[in-house]
Structures are given as structure tokens and as C-alpha cells.
Amino acid sequence: MQKYQINDQVNKKQNTGLAVRTGSIAGTIIEVQEKLNKIGRTCFYYTVRWPDSRTSKHAQHILVPTTQN
């Protein structure tokens, strides 16, 4: 099931060894791709544009929504 849509704000999970925390910089989803894994289940991958204009592609389980204050 797809969790995020284009223009959603997300953070990336960071594994610190003892715990998993989220990054402090929010990125914006600019592209969604569906791929089938080896057992035929659909997996979602998202291209994220970060504030410094870099882009990166991440699996859905690596991203968390930003909290809106």
C-alpha cells in the first residue's frame, strides 16, 4: 500500500547502531515508482528532493512523514 504522494514532506530514518532516529531536514517527494520484488509483491520507491537541491531515491520503509507543528 502506497503511504506517500507527490509533494508530501518526509524525513529519512537514520540507523545509529543502537537506535533508529529521523533526520532533521525534511525533503519533498517528487516521483513515485512501483517495482515488483522477487515474490511478486509491489514495493514503492520515492525520489526525494532535499532543500539543497539534491535528489535521492528511497524505499518506502526508510521514510517517515514530517511532523507539522
PDB file of N, CA and C in Angstrom:
ATOM      1  N   MET A   1       0.835  -1.172   0.000  1.00  0.00           N
ATOM      2  CA  MET A   1       0.000   0.000   0.000  1.00  0.00           C
ATOM      3  C   MET A   1       0.888   1.247   0.000  1.00  0.00           C
ATOM      4  N   GLN A   2       0.592   2.181  -0.866  1.00  0.00           N
ATOM      5  CA  GLN A   2       1.377   3.403  -1.006  1.00  0.00           C
ATOM      6  C   GLN A   2       1.075   4.354   0.147  1.00  0.00           C
ATOM      7  N   LYS A   3       2.145   4.800   0.855  1.00  0.00           N
ATOM      8  CA  LYS A   3       1.970   5.668   2.015  1.00  0.00           C
ATOM      9  C   LYS A   3       2.068   7.153   1.678  1.00  0.00           C
ATOM     10  N   TYR A   4       2.831   7.497   0.655  1.00  0.00           N
ATOM     11  CA  TYR A   4       3.122   8.903   0.374  1.00  0.00           C
ATOM     12  C   TYR A   4       2.708   9.281  -1.037  1.00  0.00           C
ATOM     13  N   GLN A   5       2.454  10.549  -1.228  1.00  0.00           N
ATOM     14  CA  GLN A   5       2.080  11.096  -2.528  1.00  0.00           C
ATOM     15  C   GLN A   5       3.108  12.155  -2.923  1.00  0.00           C
ATOM     16  N   ILE A   6       3.089  12.547  -4.188  1.00  0.00           N
ATOM     17  CA  ILE A   6       3.972  13.618  -4.653  1.00  0.00           C
ATOM     18  C   ILE A   6       3.659  14.882  -3.858  1.00  0.00           C
ATOM     19  N   ASN A   7       4.684  15.617  -3.494  1.00  0.00           N
ATOM     20  CA  ASN A   7       4.664  16.853  -2.699  1.00  0.00           C
ATOM     21  C   ASN A   7       4.523  16.621  -1.203  1.00  0.00           C
ATOM     22  N   ASP A   8       4.470  15.364  -0.731  1.00  0.00           N
ATOM     23  CA  ASP A   8       4.479  15.102   0.706  1.00  0.00           C
ATOM     24  C   ASP A   8       5.861  15.421   1.268  1.00  0.00           C
ATOM     25  N   GLN A   9       5.900  15.895   2.507  1.00  0.00           N
ATOM     26  CA  GLN A   9       7.149  16.190   3.199  1.00  0.00           C
ATOM     27  C   GLN A   9       7.547  14.972   4.032  1.00  0.00           C
ATOM     28  N   VAL A  10       8.794  14.527   3.883  1.00  0.00           N
ATOM     29  CA  VAL A  10       9.275  13.345   4.598  1.00  0.00           C
ATOM     30  C   VAL A  10      10.671  13.579   5.164  1.00  0.00           C
ATOM     31  N   ASN A  11      11.007  12.770   6.166  1.00  0.00           N
ATOM     32  CA  ASN A  11      12.357  12.684   6.703  1.00  0.00           C
ATOM     33  C   ASN A  11      12.860  11.273   6.455  1.00  0.00           C
ATOM     34  N   LYS A  12      14.174  11.107   6.468  1.00  0.00           N
ATOM     35  CA  LYS A  12      14.777   9.794   6.266  1.00  0.00           C
ATOM     36  C   LYS A  12      15.165   9.216   7.624  1.00  0.00           C
ATOM     37  N   LYS A  13      14.880   7.929   7.830  1.00  0.00           N
ATOM     38  CA  LYS A  13      15.317   7.253   9.047  1.00  0.00           C
ATOM     39  C   LYS A  13      16.830   7.084   8.997  1.00  0.00           C
ATOM     40  N   GLN A  14      17.472   7.212  10.162  1.00  0.00           N
ATOM     41  CA  GLN A  14      18.917   7.028  10.250  1.00  0.00           C
ATOM     42  C   GLN A  14      19.216   6.004  11.332  1.00  0.00           C
ATOM     43  N   ASN A  15      19.913   4.945  10.976  1.00  0.00           N
ATOM     44  CA  ASN A  15      20.276   3.904  11.934  1.00  0.00           C
ATOM     45  C   ASN A  15      21.591   4.301  12.596  1.00  0.00           C
ATOM     46  N   THR A  16      21.552   4.534  13.902  1.00  0.00           N
ATOM     47  CA  THR A  16      22.751   4.955  14.627  1.00  0.00           C
ATOM     48  C   THR A  16      23.442   3.787  15.317  1.00  0.00           C
ATOM     49  N   GLY A  17      22.998   2.577  15.063  1.00  0.00           N
ATOM     50  CA  GLY A  17      23.587   1.398  15.690  1.00  0.00           C
ATOM     51  C   GLY A  17      22.774   0.917  16.874  1.00  0.00           C
ATOM     52  N   LEU A  18      22.504   1.805  17.817  1.00  0.00           N
ATOM     53  CA  LEU A  18      21.722   1.439  18.997  1.00  0.00           C
ATOM     54  C   LEU A  18      20.251   1.786  18.849  1.00  0.00           C
ATOM     55  N   ALA A  19      19.963   2.764  18.033  1.00  0.00           N
ATOM     56  CA  ALA A  19      18.581   3.207  17.873  1.00  0.00           C
ATOM     57  C   ALA A  19      18.388   3.758  16.466  1.00  0.00           C
ATOM     58  N   VAL A  20      17.147   3.889  16.077  1.00  0.00           N
ATOM     59  CA  VAL A  20      16.817   4.493  14.793  1.00  0.00           C
ATOM     60  C   VAL A  20      16.210   5.850  15.075  1.00  0.00           C
ATOM     61  N   ARG A  21      16.751   6.881  14.438  1.00  0.00           N
ATOM     62  CA  ARG A  21      16.204   8.227  14.602  1.00  0.00           C
ATOM     63  C   ARG A  21      15.926   8.798  13.227  1.00  0.00           C
ATOM     64  N   THR A  22      15.281   9.945  13.173  1.00  0.00           N
ATOM     65  CA  THR A  22      14.993  10.562  11.882  1.00  0.00           C
ATOM     66  C   THR A  22      15.885  11.771  11.680  1.00  0.00           C
ATOM     67  N   GLY A  23      16.140  12.095  10.426  1.00  0.00           N
ATOM     68  CA  GLY A  23      16.946  13.251  10.094  1.00  0.00           C
ATOM     69  C   GLY A  23      16.214  14.534  10.449  1.00  0.00           C
ATOM     70  N   SER A  24      16.949  15.609  10.559  1.00  0.00           N
ATOM     71  CA  SER A  24      16.351  16.886  10.949  1.00  0.00           C
ATOM     72  C   SER A  24      15.906  17.709   9.741  1.00  0.00           C
ATOM     73  N   ILE A  25      16.284  17.293   8.548  1.00  0.00           N
ATOM     74  CA  ILE A  25      15.949  18.059   7.344  1.00  0.00           C
ATOM     75  C   ILE A  25      14.857  17.339   6.569  1.00  0.00           C
ATOM     76  N   ALA A  26      13.795  18.063   6.250  1.00  0.00           N
ATOM     77  CA  ALA A  26      12.670  17.478   5.516  1.00  0.00           C
ATOM     78  C   ALA A  26      12.884  17.630   4.019  1.00  0.00           C
ATOM     79  N   GLY A  27      12.512  16.604   3.281  1.00  0.00           N
ATOM     80  CA  GLY A  27      12.555  16.648   1.831  1.00  0.00           C
ATOM     81  C   GLY A  27      11.154  16.517   1.268  1.00  0.00           C
ATOM     82  N   THR A  28      11.034  16.752  -0.038  1.00  0.00           N
ATOM     83  CA  THR A  28       9.748  16.691  -0.722  1.00  0.00           C
ATOM     84  C   THR A  28       9.770  15.576  -1.755  1.00  0.00           C
ATOM     85  N   ILE A  29       8.749  14.739  -1.753  1.00  0.00           N
ATOM     86  CA  ILE A  29       8.656  13.655  -2.727  1.00  0.00           C
ATOM     87  C   ILE A  29       8.315  14.249  -4.093  1.00  0.00           C
ATOM     88  N   ILE A  30       9.126  13.896  -5.104  1.00  0.00           N
ATOM     89  CA  ILE A  30       8.895  14.424  -6.449  1.00  0.00           C
ATOM     90  C   ILE A  30       8.536  13.336  -7.456  1.00  0.00           C
ATOM     91  N   GLU A  31       8.754  12.056  -7.079  1.00  0.00           N
ATOM     92  CA  GLU A  31       8.432  10.961  -8.002  1.00  0.00           C
ATOM     93  C   GLU A  31       8.171   9.689  -7.209  1.00  0.00           C
ATOM     94  N   VAL A  32       7.236   8.882  -7.697  1.00  0.00           N
ATOM     95  CA  VAL A  32       6.909   7.592  -7.084  1.00  0.00           C
ATOM     96  C   VAL A  32       7.083   6.512  -8.136  1.00  0.00           C
ATOM     97  N   GLN A  33       7.776   5.430  -7.762  1.00  0.00           N
ATOM     98  CA  GLN A  33       7.947   4.294  -8.669  1.00  0.00           C
ATOM     99  C   GLN A  33       7.468   3.027  -7.976  1.00  0.00           C
ATOM    100  N   GLU A  34       6.795   2.173  -8.727  1.00  0.00           N
ATOM    101  CA  GLU A  34       6.371   0.865  -8.238  1.00  0.00           C
ATOM    102  C   GLU A  34       7.276  -0.190  -8.854  1.00  0.00           C
ATOM    103  N   LYS A  35       7.781  -1.099  -8.032  1.00  0.00           N
ATOM    104  CA  LYS A  35       8.588  -2.208  -8.520  1.00  0.00           C
ATOM    105  C   LYS A  35       8.089  -3.479  -7.860  1.00  0.00           C
ATOM    106  N   LEU A  36       8.206  -4.590  -8.573  1.00  0.00           N
ATOM    107  CA  LEU A  36       7.836  -5.880  -8.008  1.00  0.00           C
ATOM    108  C   LEU A  36       9.068  -6.528  -7.389  1.00  0.00           C
ATOM    109  N   ASN A  37       8.903  -7.075  -6.167  1.00  0.00           N
ATOM    110  CA  ASN A  37      10.009  -7.812  -5.572  1.00  0.00           C
ATOM    111  C   ASN A  37      10.003  -9.245  -6.097  1.00  0.00           C
ATOM    112  N   LYS A  38      10.896 -10.089  -5.605  1.00  0.00           N
ATOM    113  CA  LYS A  38      11.044 -11.424  -6.202  1.00  0.00           C
ATOM    114  C   LYS A  38       9.854 -12.345  -5.955  1.00  0.00           C
ATOM    115  N   ILE A  39       8.993 -12.017  -4.992  1.00  0.00           N
ATOM    116  CA  ILE A  39       7.792 -12.834  -4.795  1.00  0.00           C
ATOM    117  C   ILE A  39       6.555 -12.207  -5.449  1.00  0.00           C
ATOM    118  N   GLY A  40       6.773 -11.121  -6.193  1.00  0.00           N
ATOM    119  CA  GLY A  40       5.695 -10.512  -6.948  1.00  0.00           C
ATOM    120  C   GLY A  40       4.901  -9.439  -6.227  1.00  0.00           C
ATOM    121  N   ARG A  41       5.333  -9.049  -5.045  1.00  0.00           N
ATOM    122  CA  ARG A  41       4.641  -8.009  -4.300  1.00  0.00           C
ATOM    123  C   ARG A  41       5.128  -6.633  -4.748  1.00  0.00           C
ATOM    124  N   THR A  42       4.226  -5.671  -4.832  1.00  0.00           N
ATOM    125  CA  THR A  42       4.578  -4.315  -5.253  1.00  0.00           C
ATOM    126  C   THR A  42       5.272  -3.581  -4.110  1.00  0.00           C
ATOM    127  N   CYS A  43       6.418  -2.973  -4.405  1.00  0.00           N
ATOM    128  CA  CYS A  43       7.154  -2.143  -3.450  1.00  0.00           C
ATOM    129  C   CYS A  43       7.231  -0.736  -4.027  1.00  0.00           C
ATOM    130  N   PHE A  44       7.171   0.256  -3.160  1.00  0.00           N
ATOM    131  CA  PHE A  44       7.192   1.641  -3.608  1.00  0.00           C
ATOM    132  C   PHE A  44       8.535   2.285  -3.292  1.00  0.00           C
ATOM    133  N   TYR A  45       9.047   3.024  -4.273  1.00  0.00           N
ATOM    134  CA  TYR A  45      10.292   3.777  -4.133  1.00  0.00           C
ATOM    135  C   TYR A  45       9.993   5.230  -4.463  1.00  0.00           C
ATOM    136  N   TYR A  46      10.578   6.128  -3.684  1.00  0.00           N
ATOM    137  CA  TYR A  46      10.279   7.552  -3.811  1.00  0.00           C
ATOM    138  C   TYR A  46      11.549   8.337  -4.089  1.00  0.00           C
ATOM    139  N   THR A  47      11.467   9.258  -5.043  1.00  0.00           N
ATOM    140  CA  THR A  47      12.554  10.190  -5.275  1.00  0.00           C
ATOM    141  C   THR A  47      12.257  11.428  -4.442  1.00  0.00           C
ATOM    142  N   VAL A  48      13.224  11.813  -3.602  1.00  0.00           N
ATOM    143  CA  VAL A  48      13.053  12.923  -2.668  1.00  0.00           C
ATOM    144  C   VAL A  48      13.996  14.053  -3.063  1.00  0.00           C
ATOM    145  N   ARG A  49      13.467  15.283  -3.139  1.00  0.00           N
ATOM    146  CA  ARG A  49      14.304  16.462  -3.364  1.00  0.00           C
ATOM    147  C   ARG A  49      14.521  17.122  -2.007  1.00  0.00           C
ATOM    148  N   TRP A  50      15.803  17.285  -1.644  1.00  0.00           N
ATOM    149  CA  TRP A  50      16.178  17.886  -0.369  1.00  0.00           C
ATOM    150  C   TRP A  50      16.341  19.393  -0.546  1.00  0.00           C
ATOM    151  N   PRO A  51      16.331  20.165   0.539  1.00  0.00           N
ATOM    152  CA  PRO A  51      16.403  21.638   0.440  1.00  0.00           C
ATOM    153  C   PRO A  51      17.634  22.165  -0.297  1.00  0.00           C
ATOM    154  N   ASP A  52      18.742  21.405  -0.305  1.00  0.00           N
ATOM    155  CA  ASP A  52      19.945  21.853  -1.016  1.00  0.00           C
ATOM    156  C   ASP A  52      19.934  21.413  -2.490  1.00  0.00           C
ATOM    157  N   SER A  53      18.770  21.023  -3.009  1.00  0.00           N
ATOM    158  CA  SER A  53      18.523  20.638  -4.405  1.00  0.00           C
ATOM    159  C   SER A  53      19.034  19.254  -4.786  1.00  0.00           C
ATOM    160  N   ARG A  54      19.619  18.503  -3.845  1.00  0.00           N
ATOM    161  CA  ARG A  54      19.997  17.116  -4.143  1.00  0.00           C
ATOM    162  C   ARG A  54      18.736  16.276  -4.242  1.00  0.00           C
ATOM    163  N   THR A  55      18.813  15.174  -4.980  1.00  0.00           N
ATOM    164  CA  THR A  55      17.731  14.201  -5.003  1.00  0.00           C
ATOM    165  C   THR A  55      18.294  12.844  -4.646  1.00  0.00           C
ATOM    166  N   SER A  56      17.443  11.994  -4.068  1.00  0.00           N
ATOM    167  CA  SER A  56      17.837  10.629  -3.757  1.00  0.00           C
ATOM    168  C   SER A  56      16.599   9.746  -3.798  1.00  0.00           C
ATOM    169  N   LYS A  57      16.804   8.455  -4.048  1.00  0.00           N
ATOM    170  CA  LYS A  57      15.704   7.504  -4.143  1.00  0.00           C
ATOM    171  C   LYS A  57      15.741   6.595  -2.919  1.00  0.00           C
ATOM    172  N   HIS A  58      14.561   6.392  -2.294  1.00  0.00           N
ATOM    173  CA  HIS A  58      14.485   5.589  -1.079  1.00  0.00           C
ATOM    174  C   HIS A  58      13.267   4.680  -1.109  1.00  0.00           C
ATOM    175  N   ALA A  59      13.409   3.512  -0.495  1.00  0.00           N
ATOM    176  CA  ALA A  59      12.276   2.610  -0.308  1.00  0.00           C
ATOM    177  C   ALA A  59      11.325   3.224   0.720  1.00  0.00           C
ATOM    178  N   GLN A  60      10.065   2.836   0.621  1.00  0.00           N
ATOM    179  CA  GLN A  60       9.031   3.410   1.478  1.00  0.00           C
ATOM    180  C   GLN A  60       9.334   3.223   2.972  1.00  0.00           C
ATOM    181  N   HIS A  61       9.917   2.093   3.366  1.00  0.00           N
ATOM    182  CA  HIS A  61      10.146   1.812   4.789  1.00  0.00           C
ATOM    183  C   HIS A  61      11.254   2.675   5.397  1.00  0.00           C
ATOM    184  N   ILE A  62      12.032   3.376   4.581  1.00  0.00           N
ATOM    185  CA  ILE A  62      13.105   4.236   5.069  1.00  0.00           C
ATOM    186  C   ILE A  62      12.600   5.639   5.396  1.00  0.00           C
ATOM    187  N   LEU A  63      11.427   5.998   4.868  1.00  0.00           N
ATOM    188  CA  LEU A  63      10.910   7.364   5.028  1.00  0.00           C
ATOM    189  C   LEU A  63       9.827   7.441   6.095  1.00  0.00           C
ATOM    190  N   VAL A  64       9.767   8.578   6.774  1.00  0.00           N
ATOM    191  CA  VAL A  64       8.712   8.855   7.743  1.00  0.00           C
ATOM    192  C   VAL A  64       8.153  10.243   7.439  1.00  0.00           C
ATOM    193  N   PRO A  65       6.848  10.454   7.670  1.00  0.00           N
ATOM    194  CA  PRO A  65       6.284  11.779   7.410  1.00  0.00           C
ATOM    195  C   PRO A  65       6.822  12.796   8.404  1.00  0.00           C
ATOM    196  N   THR A  66       6.960  14.048   7.962  1.00  0.00           N
ATOM    197  CA  THR A  66       7.384  15.099   8.881  1.00  0.00           C
ATOM    198  C   THR A  66       6.231  15.460   9.797  1.00  0.00           C
ATOM    199  N   THR A  67       6.560  15.914  10.973  1.00  0.00           N
ATOM    200  CA  THR A  67       5.525  16.359  11.905  1.00  0.00           C
ATOM    201  C   THR A  67       5.241  17.818  11.645  1.00  0.00           C
ATOM    202  N   GLN A  68       3.983  18.158  11.596  1.00  0.00           N
ATOM    203  CA  GLN A  68       3.574  19.547  11.346  1.00  0.00           C
ATOM    204  C   GLN A  68       3.276  20.194  12.681  1.00  0.00           C
ATOM    205  N   ASN A  69       3.993  21.265  13.022  1.00  0.00           N
ATOM    206  CA  ASN A  69       3.755  21.975  14.292  1.00  0.00           C
ATOM    207  C   ASN A  69       2.931  23.209  14.062  1.00  0.00           C
TER     208      ASN A  69
END
